[in-house]
Amino acid sequence: MRVVRGRGDDIQADRAVTKRLLAWAGTAGEPAVRVWRPHRQVAFGPRDAHSDGYERARAAATDHDYVPHERDVGGRAVAYTGDTIAFARIEPTDDGRQGIEERYATVRVDVRDALQELDVDAERGEPDDSFCPGSYSLQAADGKLVGLAQRVTDDAVLVAGLVVVDGHEAIADVLDPVYDALDVPFEPETVGSIERAGGKVDPVAIIMRLEDALVGDHLGTVEWVDDLATVEWSGE
């Protein structure tokens, strides 16, 4: 298994790392895991980009000092403060249309178990009118803190998501006007976090726990984003 740590120099470079991993996994026939802290941004989903209020939503993100950006996978807008953690597990497949539910369930349980080791009791579900509503979220008593999405290509699948570490109030503050512009119901109080749930707020420790859970029993070859320019990517 290929394990990649760190982030790219900017949003575009950072997204390119995960895209290259997805392409590589399908060609090389080997899984990959990445857990990191993306740059500060509001990432809009495909449905958002086709909304009548999309330009106003982008302006609202900019007004709150978040870079608006469009992503290829997932539902509605999500906000990354710079400390919010993202994760991705990528697997080669012959038919990504099979096993979608199983992959969601496996990653959800892995993330839940990692959170338990950080003193956060999370369970499947989310409050009404949460950010990026979905069927595979994790919530604690004080709100939603994990969202999941999945992308399928011809030869690989990506299960990705985010974990709100802290800054839940800041995320609620920016998503409130963003969702209002998109005409999507949103209740700011539904934004949870590890901090709000009383867990250990140590980003490095959280990343390592998530990485361990997602790697599982695989033997991982660890690489850093900054070193990837000197690494040969099989299949490119």
C-alpha atoms as a PDB file:
ATOM      1  CA  MET A   1       0.000   0.000   0.000  1.00  0.00           C
ATOM      2  CA  ARG A   2       1.196   3.481  -0.870  1.00  0.00           C
ATOM      3  CA  VAL A   3       0.860   5.984   2.001  1.00  0.00           C
ATOM      4  CA  VAL A   4       1.262   9.657   1.127  1.00  0.00           C
ATOM      5  CA  ARG A   5       1.689  12.375   3.747  1.00  0.00           C
ATOM      6  CA  GLY A   6       1.656  16.169   3.551  1.00  0.00           C
ATOM      7  CA  ARG A   7      -0.055  18.558   1.155  1.00  0.00           C
ATOM      8  CA  GLY A   8       0.736  20.342  -2.079  1.00  0.00           C
ATOM      9  CA  ASP A   9       1.912  23.928  -2.283  1.00  0.00           C
ATOM     10  CA  ASP A  10      -1.540  25.223  -3.211  1.00  0.00           C
ATOM     11  CA  ILE A  11      -5.068  23.910  -3.687  1.00  0.00           C
ATOM     12  CA  GLN A  12      -4.539  22.834  -7.291  1.00  0.00           C
ATOM     13  CA  ALA A  13      -1.259  21.070  -6.557  1.00  0.00           C
ATOM     14  CA  ASP A  14      -2.803  19.394  -3.539  1.00  0.00           C
ATOM     15  CA  ARG A  15      -5.781  18.066  -5.486  1.00  0.00           C
ATOM     16  CA  ALA A  16      -3.418  16.795  -8.181  1.00  0.00           C
ATOM     17  CA  VAL A  17      -1.750  14.483  -5.651  1.00  0.00           C
ATOM     18  CA  THR A  18      -4.970  12.592  -4.959  1.00  0.00           C
ATOM     19  CA  LYS A  19      -5.891  12.504  -8.647  1.00  0.00           C
ATOM     20  CA  ARG A  20      -2.518  10.990  -9.496  1.00  0.00           C
ATOM     21  CA  LEU A  21      -2.895   8.427  -6.733  1.00  0.00           C
ATOM     22  CA  LEU A  22      -6.299   7.433  -8.124  1.00  0.00           C
ATOM     23  CA  ALA A  23      -4.862   6.980 -11.611  1.00  0.00           C
ATOM     24  CA  TRP A  24      -1.815   5.146 -10.280  1.00  0.00           C
ATOM     25  CA  ALA A  25      -3.789   2.714  -8.101  1.00  0.00           C
ATOM     26  CA  GLY A  26      -5.834   1.457 -11.017  1.00  0.00           C
ATOM     27  CA  THR A  27      -2.788   0.923 -13.221  1.00  0.00           C
ATOM     28  CA  ALA A  28      -0.461  -0.491 -10.579  1.00  0.00           C
ATOM     29  CA  GLY A  29      -3.119  -2.636  -8.925  1.00  0.00           C
ATOM     30  CA  GLU A  30      -2.117  -1.408  -5.485  1.00  0.00           C
ATOM     31  CA  PRO A  31      -4.173   0.526  -2.884  1.00  0.00           C
ATOM     32  CA  ALA A  32      -3.210   3.901  -1.452  1.00  0.00           C
ATOM     33  CA  VAL A  33      -4.050   5.973   1.615  1.00  0.00           C
ATOM     34  CA  ARG A  34      -3.694   9.679   2.237  1.00  0.00           C
ATOM     35  CA  VAL A  35      -4.589  11.656   5.397  1.00  0.00           C
ATOM     36  CA  TRP A  36      -3.747  15.374   5.499  1.00  0.00           C
ATOM     37  CA  ARG A  37      -4.866  18.944   6.179  1.00  0.00           C
ATOM     38  CA  PRO A  38      -6.010  20.701   2.982  1.00  0.00           C
ATOM     39  CA  HIS A  39      -5.560  24.410   2.439  1.00  0.00           C
ATOM     40  CA  ARG A  40      -8.205  26.813   3.732  1.00  0.00           C
ATOM     41  CA  GLN A  41     -11.081  26.691   1.250  1.00  0.00           C
ATOM     42  CA  VAL A  42     -14.752  26.095   0.609  1.00  0.00           C
ATOM     43  CA  ALA A  43     -15.006  23.115  -1.719  1.00  0.00           C
ATOM     44  CA  PHE A  44     -18.195  23.125  -3.776  1.00  0.00           C
ATOM     45  CA  GLY A  45     -19.751  19.977  -5.201  1.00  0.00           C
ATOM     46  CA  PRO A  46     -21.075  19.484  -8.753  1.00  0.00           C
ATOM     47  CA  ARG A  47     -24.662  20.255  -7.699  1.00  0.00           C
ATOM     48  CA  ASP A  48     -23.548  23.546  -6.181  1.00  0.00           C
ATOM     49  CA  ALA A  49     -21.866  24.601  -9.404  1.00  0.00           C
ATOM     50  CA  HIS A  50     -25.183  24.278 -11.248  1.00  0.00           C
ATOM     51  CA  SER A  51     -27.163  26.216  -8.646  1.00  0.00           C
ATOM     52  CA  ASP A  52     -28.626  29.626  -9.498  1.00  0.00           C
ATOM     53  CA  GLY A  53     -26.962  31.029  -6.387  1.00  0.00           C
ATOM     54  CA  TYR A  54     -23.506  29.600  -7.060  1.00  0.00           C
ATOM     55  CA  GLU A  55     -21.752  32.889  -7.780  1.00  0.00           C
ATOM     56  CA  ARG A  56     -23.240  34.448  -4.628  1.00  0.00           C
ATOM     57  CA  ALA A  57     -22.104  31.404  -2.659  1.00  0.00           C
ATOM     58  CA  ARG A  58     -18.563  31.770  -3.987  1.00  0.00           C
ATOM     59  CA  ALA A  59     -18.612  35.447  -3.064  1.00  0.00           C
ATOM     60  CA  ALA A  60     -19.768  34.558   0.462  1.00  0.00           C
ATOM     61  CA  ALA A  61     -16.822  32.173   0.834  1.00  0.00           C
ATOM     62  CA  THR A  62     -14.404  34.838  -0.379  1.00  0.00           C
ATOM     63  CA  ASP A  63     -15.893  37.398   2.010  1.00  0.00           C
ATOM     64  CA  HIS A  64     -14.999  35.038   4.880  1.00  0.00           C
ATOM     65  CA  ASP A  65     -11.426  34.616   3.606  1.00  0.00           C
ATOM     66  CA  TYR A  66     -11.942  31.122   2.176  1.00  0.00           C
ATOM     67  CA  VAL A  67     -10.849  30.267  -1.344  1.00  0.00           C
ATOM     68  CA  PRO A  68     -13.831  28.913  -3.346  1.00  0.00           C
ATOM     69  CA  HIS A  69     -13.030  25.749  -5.223  1.00  0.00           C
ATOM     70  CA  GLU A  70     -14.930  23.066  -7.159  1.00  0.00           C
ATOM     71  CA  ARG A  71     -14.366  19.394  -6.375  1.00  0.00           C
ATOM     72  CA  ASP A  72     -15.159  16.347  -8.482  1.00  0.00           C
ATOM     73  CA  VAL A  73     -16.671  14.137  -5.788  1.00  0.00           C
ATOM     74  CA  GLY A  74     -19.194  14.567  -3.005  1.00  0.00           C
ATOM     75  CA  GLY A  75     -22.364  16.510  -2.410  1.00  0.00           C
ATOM     76  CA  ARG A  76     -22.799  20.024  -1.109  1.00  0.00           C
ATOM     77  CA  ALA A  77     -20.217  22.583  -0.030  1.00  0.00           C
ATOM     78  CA  VAL A  78     -17.738  21.803   2.742  1.00  0.00           C
ATOM     79  CA  ALA A  79     -15.302  24.146   4.463  1.00  0.00           C
ATOM     80  CA  TYR A  80     -11.700  23.446   5.398  1.00  0.00           C
ATOM     81  CA  THR A  81     -10.162  25.838   7.910  1.00  0.00           C
ATOM     82  CA  GLY A  82      -6.590  24.692   7.376  1.00  0.00           C
ATOM     83  CA  ASP A  83      -6.813  22.407  10.417  1.00  0.00           C
ATOM     84  CA  THR A  84      -9.694  20.303   9.081  1.00  0.00           C
ATOM     85  CA  ILE A  85      -8.446  16.832   8.187  1.00  0.00           C
ATOM     86  CA  ALA A  86      -9.189  15.076   4.920  1.00  0.00           C
ATOM     87  CA  PHE A  87      -8.676  11.379   4.241  1.00  0.00           C
ATOM     88  CA  ALA A  88      -8.746   9.141   1.180  1.00  0.00           C
ATOM     89  CA  ARG A  89      -8.505   5.398   0.646  1.00  0.00           C
ATOM     90  CA  ILE A  90      -8.045   4.298  -2.943  1.00  0.00           C
ATOM     91  CA  GLU A  91      -8.346   0.739  -4.207  1.00  0.00           C
ATOM     92  CA  PRO A  92      -7.978  -0.855  -7.634  1.00  0.00           C
ATOM     93  CA  THR A  93     -11.093  -2.566  -8.941  1.00  0.00           C
ATOM     94  CA  ASP A  94     -12.404  -4.429 -11.966  1.00  0.00           C
ATOM     95  CA  ASP A  95     -15.944  -3.162 -11.412  1.00  0.00           C
ATOM     96  CA  GLY A  96     -16.378  -0.185  -9.102  1.00  0.00           C
ATOM     97  CA  ARG A  97     -20.145  -0.400  -9.363  1.00  0.00           C
ATOM     98  CA  GLN A  98     -20.013  -3.462  -7.136  1.00  0.00           C
ATOM     99  CA  GLY A  99     -19.375  -3.105  -3.411  1.00  0.00           C
ATOM    100  CA  ILE A 100     -20.213   0.588  -3.027  1.00  0.00           C
ATOM    101  CA  GLU A 101     -22.127   0.095   0.221  1.00  0.00           C
ATOM    102  CA  GLU A 102     -19.468  -2.228   1.623  1.00  0.00           C
ATOM    103  CA  ARG A 103     -16.690   0.286   0.952  1.00  0.00           C
ATOM    104  CA  TYR A 104     -18.636   3.058   2.637  1.00  0.00           C
ATOM    105  CA  ALA A 105     -19.305   0.847   5.643  1.00  0.00           C
ATOM    106  CA  THR A 106     -15.692  -0.288   5.957  1.00  0.00           C
ATOM    107  CA  VAL A 107     -14.220   3.206   5.874  1.00  0.00           C
ATOM    108  CA  ARG A 108     -16.911   4.566   8.176  1.00  0.00           C
ATOM    109  CA  VAL A 109     -16.149   1.896  10.783  1.00  0.00           C
ATOM    110  CA  ASP A 110     -12.395   2.468  10.452  1.00  0.00           C
ATOM    111  CA  VAL A 111     -12.818   6.207  11.026  1.00  0.00           C
ATOM    112  CA  ARG A 112     -15.234   5.614  13.907  1.00  0.00           C
ATOM    113  CA  ASP A 113     -12.726   3.298  15.591  1.00  0.00           C
ATOM    114  CA  ALA A 114      -9.949   5.863  15.167  1.00  0.00           C
ATOM    115  CA  LEU A 115     -12.154   8.524  16.777  1.00  0.00           C
ATOM    116  CA  GLN A 116     -12.861   6.232  19.716  1.00  0.00           C
ATOM    117  CA  GLU A 117      -9.136   6.063  20.375  1.00  0.00           C
ATOM    118  CA  LEU A 118      -9.224   9.871  20.521  1.00  0.00           C
ATOM    119  CA  ASP A 119     -11.992   9.788  23.158  1.00  0.00           C
ATOM    120  CA  VAL A 120     -14.799  10.611  20.729  1.00  0.00           C
ATOM    121  CA  ASP A 121     -17.865   8.365  20.646  1.00  0.00           C
ATOM    122  CA  ALA A 122     -19.253   8.777  17.138  1.00  0.00           C
ATOM    123  CA  GLU A 123     -22.033   6.890  15.410  1.00  0.00           C
ATOM    124  CA  ARG A 124     -23.544   6.752  11.956  1.00  0.00           C
ATOM    125  CA  GLY A 125     -25.939   9.569  11.154  1.00  0.00           C
ATOM    126  CA  GLU A 126     -26.206  13.335  11.209  1.00  0.00           C
ATOM    127  CA  PRO A 127     -28.584  15.984  12.548  1.00  0.00           C
ATOM    128  CA  ASP A 128     -31.182  17.481  10.243  1.00  0.00           C
ATOM    129  CA  ASP A 129     -29.937  20.326   8.037  1.00  0.00           C
ATOM    130  CA  SER A 130     -26.264  19.402   8.413  1.00  0.00           C
ATOM    131  CA  PHE A 131     -23.500  20.551   6.068  1.00  0.00           C
ATOM    132  CA  CYS A 132     -23.023  18.327   3.006  1.00  0.00           C
ATOM    133  CA  PRO A 133     -25.912  16.020   3.947  1.00  0.00           C
ATOM    134  CA  GLY A 134     -25.329  12.338   3.261  1.00  0.00           C
ATOM    135  CA  SER A 135     -26.161   8.823   4.353  1.00  0.00           C
ATOM    136  CA  TYR A 136     -22.693   7.846   5.535  1.00  0.00           C
ATOM    137  CA  SER A 137     -21.826  10.611   7.991  1.00  0.00           C
ATOM    138  CA  LEU A 138     -20.644  10.248  11.582  1.00  0.00           C
ATOM    139  CA  GLN A 139     -21.991  12.356  14.402  1.00  0.00           C
ATOM    140  CA  ALA A 140     -21.280  12.831  18.077  1.00  0.00           C
ATOM    141  CA  ALA A 141     -23.676  14.239  20.650  1.00  0.00           C
ATOM    142  CA  ASP A 142     -22.844  17.792  19.595  1.00  0.00           C
ATOM    143  CA  GLY A 143     -23.154  17.469  15.830  1.00  0.00           C
ATOM    144  CA  LYS A 144     -21.777  16.056  12.588  1.00  0.00           C
ATOM    145  CA  LEU A 145     -18.010  15.787  12.445  1.00  0.00           C
ATOM    146  CA  VAL A 146     -17.339  13.345   9.579  1.00  0.00           C
ATOM    147  CA  GLY A 147     -18.630  13.289   6.015  1.00  0.00           C
ATOM    148  CA  LEU A 148     -17.918  10.637   3.364  1.00  0.00           C
ATOM    149  CA  ALA A 149     -18.052  10.506  -0.422  1.00  0.00           C
ATOM    150  CA  GLN A 150     -17.065   8.000  -3.089  1.00  0.00           C
ATOM    151  CA  ARG A 151     -15.756   8.247  -6.634  1.00  0.00           C
ATOM    152  CA  VAL A 152     -15.510   5.389  -9.124  1.00  0.00           C
ATOM    153  CA  THR A 153     -13.298   5.314 -12.230  1.00  0.00           C
ATOM    154  CA  ASP A 154     -12.773   2.536 -14.757  1.00  0.00           C
ATOM    155  CA  ASP A 155     -10.161   0.752 -12.657  1.00  0.00           C
ATOM    156  CA  ALA A 156     -10.109   2.315  -9.180  1.00  0.00           C
ATOM    157  CA  VAL A 157     -12.370   3.606  -6.433  1.00  0.00           C
ATOM    158  CA  LEU A 158     -11.835   6.469  -4.008  1.00  0.00           C
ATOM    159  CA  VAL A 159     -13.574   6.724  -0.644  1.00  0.00           C
ATOM    160  CA  ALA A 160     -12.808  10.137   0.792  1.00  0.00           C
ATOM    161  CA  GLY A 161     -14.023  12.363   3.577  1.00  0.00           C
ATOM    162  CA  LEU A 162     -13.255  14.964   6.184  1.00  0.00           C
ATOM    163  CA  VAL A 163     -12.999  15.148   9.947  1.00  0.00           C
ATOM    164  CA  VAL A 164     -13.733  18.442  11.708  1.00  0.00           C
ATOM    165  CA  VAL A 165     -11.025  18.749  14.357  1.00  0.00           C
ATOM    166  CA  ASP A 166     -11.875  22.167  15.792  1.00  0.00           C
ATOM    167  CA  GLY A 167     -13.070  25.473  14.397  1.00  0.00           C
ATOM    168  CA  HIS A 168     -16.660  24.252  14.189  1.00  0.00           C
ATOM    169  CA  GLU A 169     -17.942  27.786  14.827  1.00  0.00           C
ATOM    170  CA  ALA A 170     -15.776  29.176  12.017  1.00  0.00           C
ATOM    171  CA  ILE A 171     -17.060  26.488   9.649  1.00  0.00           C
ATOM    172  CA  ALA A 172     -20.649  27.259  10.617  1.00  0.00           C
ATOM    173  CA  ASP A 173     -20.043  30.992  10.106  1.00  0.00           C
ATOM    174  CA  VAL A 174     -18.882  30.597   6.518  1.00  0.00           C
ATOM    175  CA  LEU A 175     -21.294  27.832   5.504  1.00  0.00           C
ATOM    176  CA  ASP A 176     -24.344  29.714   6.768  1.00  0.00           C
ATOM    177  CA  PRO A 177     -24.278  32.392   4.024  1.00  0.00           C
ATOM    178  CA  VAL A 178     -22.920  29.885   1.478  1.00  0.00           C
ATOM    179  CA  TYR A 179     -25.846  27.524   1.988  1.00  0.00           C
ATOM    180  CA  ASP A 180     -28.270  30.430   2.085  1.00  0.00           C
ATOM    181  CA  ALA A 181     -27.062  31.513  -1.359  1.00  0.00           C
ATOM    182  CA  LEU A 182     -27.409  27.938  -2.624  1.00  0.00           C
ATOM    183  CA  ASP A 183     -30.909  27.714  -1.110  1.00  0.00           C
ATOM    184  CA  VAL A 184     -29.950  24.592   0.860  1.00  0.00           C
ATOM    185  CA  PRO A 185     -31.281  24.155   4.424  1.00  0.00           C
ATOM    186  CA  PHE A 186     -28.504  24.473   6.995  1.00  0.00           C
ATOM    187  CA  GLU A 187     -28.453  24.773  10.775  1.00  0.00           C
ATOM    188  CA  PRO A 188     -25.111  26.150  12.050  1.00  0.00           C
ATOM    189  CA  GLU A 189     -25.446  24.383  15.403  1.00  0.00           C
ATOM    190  CA  THR A 190     -25.251  21.006  13.666  1.00  0.00           C
ATOM    191  CA  VAL A 191     -21.523  21.428  12.946  1.00  0.00           C
ATOM    192  CA  GLY A 192     -19.643  19.235  15.371  1.00  0.00           C
ATOM    193  CA  SER A 193     -15.937  18.635  15.912  1.00  0.00           C
ATOM    194  CA  ILE A 194     -13.513  16.504  17.862  1.00  0.00           C
ATOM    195  CA  GLU A 195     -12.991  19.487  20.157  1.00  0.00           C
ATOM    196  CA  ARG A 196     -16.713  19.984  20.693  1.00  0.00           C
ATOM    197  CA  ALA A 197     -17.122  16.277  21.486  1.00  0.00           C
ATOM    198  CA  GLY A 198     -14.433  16.495  24.160  1.00  0.00           C
ATOM    199  CA  GLY A 199     -11.805  14.548  22.228  1.00  0.00           C
ATOM    200  CA  LYS A 200      -8.061  15.031  21.981  1.00  0.00           C
ATOM    201  CA  VAL A 201      -7.273  18.006  19.735  1.00  0.00           C
ATOM    202  CA  ASP A 202      -3.832  17.051  18.440  1.00  0.00           C
ATOM    203  CA  PRO A 203      -3.857  17.225  14.631  1.00  0.00           C
ATOM    204  CA  VAL A 204      -0.724  15.134  14.163  1.00  0.00           C
ATOM    205  CA  ALA A 205      -1.991  12.421  16.511  1.00  0.00           C
ATOM    206  CA  ILE A 206      -5.383  12.465  14.775  1.00  0.00           C
ATOM    207  CA  ILE A 207      -3.783  12.088  11.361  1.00  0.00           C
ATOM    208  CA  MET A 208      -1.689   9.156  12.559  1.00  0.00           C
ATOM    209  CA  ARG A 209      -4.661   7.390  14.147  1.00  0.00           C
ATOM    210  CA  LEU A 210      -6.735   7.811  10.989  1.00  0.00           C
ATOM    211  CA  GLU A 211      -3.858   6.690   8.803  1.00  0.00           C
ATOM    212  CA  ASP A 212      -3.297   3.563  10.906  1.00  0.00           C
ATOM    213  CA  ALA A 213      -7.001   2.714  10.765  1.00  0.00           C
ATOM    214  CA  LEU A 214      -7.253   3.161   6.994  1.00  0.00           C
ATOM    215  CA  VAL A 215      -4.036   1.266   6.246  1.00  0.00           C
ATOM    216  CA  GLY A 216      -5.113  -1.628   8.468  1.00  0.00           C
ATOM    217  CA  ASP A 217      -3.108  -4.802   7.966  1.00  0.00           C
ATOM    218  CA  HIS A 218      -1.487  -3.637   4.738  1.00  0.00           C
ATOM    219  CA  LEU A 219       2.232  -2.954   4.581  1.00  0.00           C
ATOM    220  CA  GLY A 220       2.530   0.739   3.770  1.00  0.00           C
ATOM    221  CA  THR A 221       5.299   2.470   1.839  1.00  0.00           C
ATOM    222  CA  VAL A 222       5.372   6.033   3.208  1.00  0.00           C
ATOM    223  CA  GLU A 223       6.137   8.964   0.919  1.00  0.00           C
ATOM    224  CA  TRP A 224       5.843  12.721   1.368  1.00  0.00           C
ATOM    225  CA  VAL A 225       4.150  15.056  -1.086  1.00  0.00           C
ATOM    226  CA  ASP A 226       7.312  17.174  -1.369  1.00  0.00           C
ATOM    227  CA  ASP A 227       9.288  14.120  -2.494  1.00  0.00           C
ATOM    228  CA  LEU A 228       6.830  12.888  -5.119  1.00  0.00           C
ATOM    229  CA  ALA A 229       8.451  14.958  -7.861  1.00  0.00           C
ATOM    230  CA  THR A 230      11.443  12.620  -7.651  1.00  0.00           C
ATOM    231  CA  VAL A 231       9.361   9.427  -7.463  1.00  0.00           C
ATOM    232  CA  GLU A 232       8.367   7.487 -10.576  1.00  0.00           C
ATOM    233  CA  TRP A 233       4.590   7.094 -10.775  1.00  0.00           C
ATOM    234  CA  SER A 234       3.814   3.753 -12.371  1.00  0.00           C
ATOM    235  CA  GLY A 235       1.218   4.020 -15.089  1.00  0.00           C
ATOM    236  CA  GLU A 236       1.765   7.668 -16.001  1.00  0.00           C
END
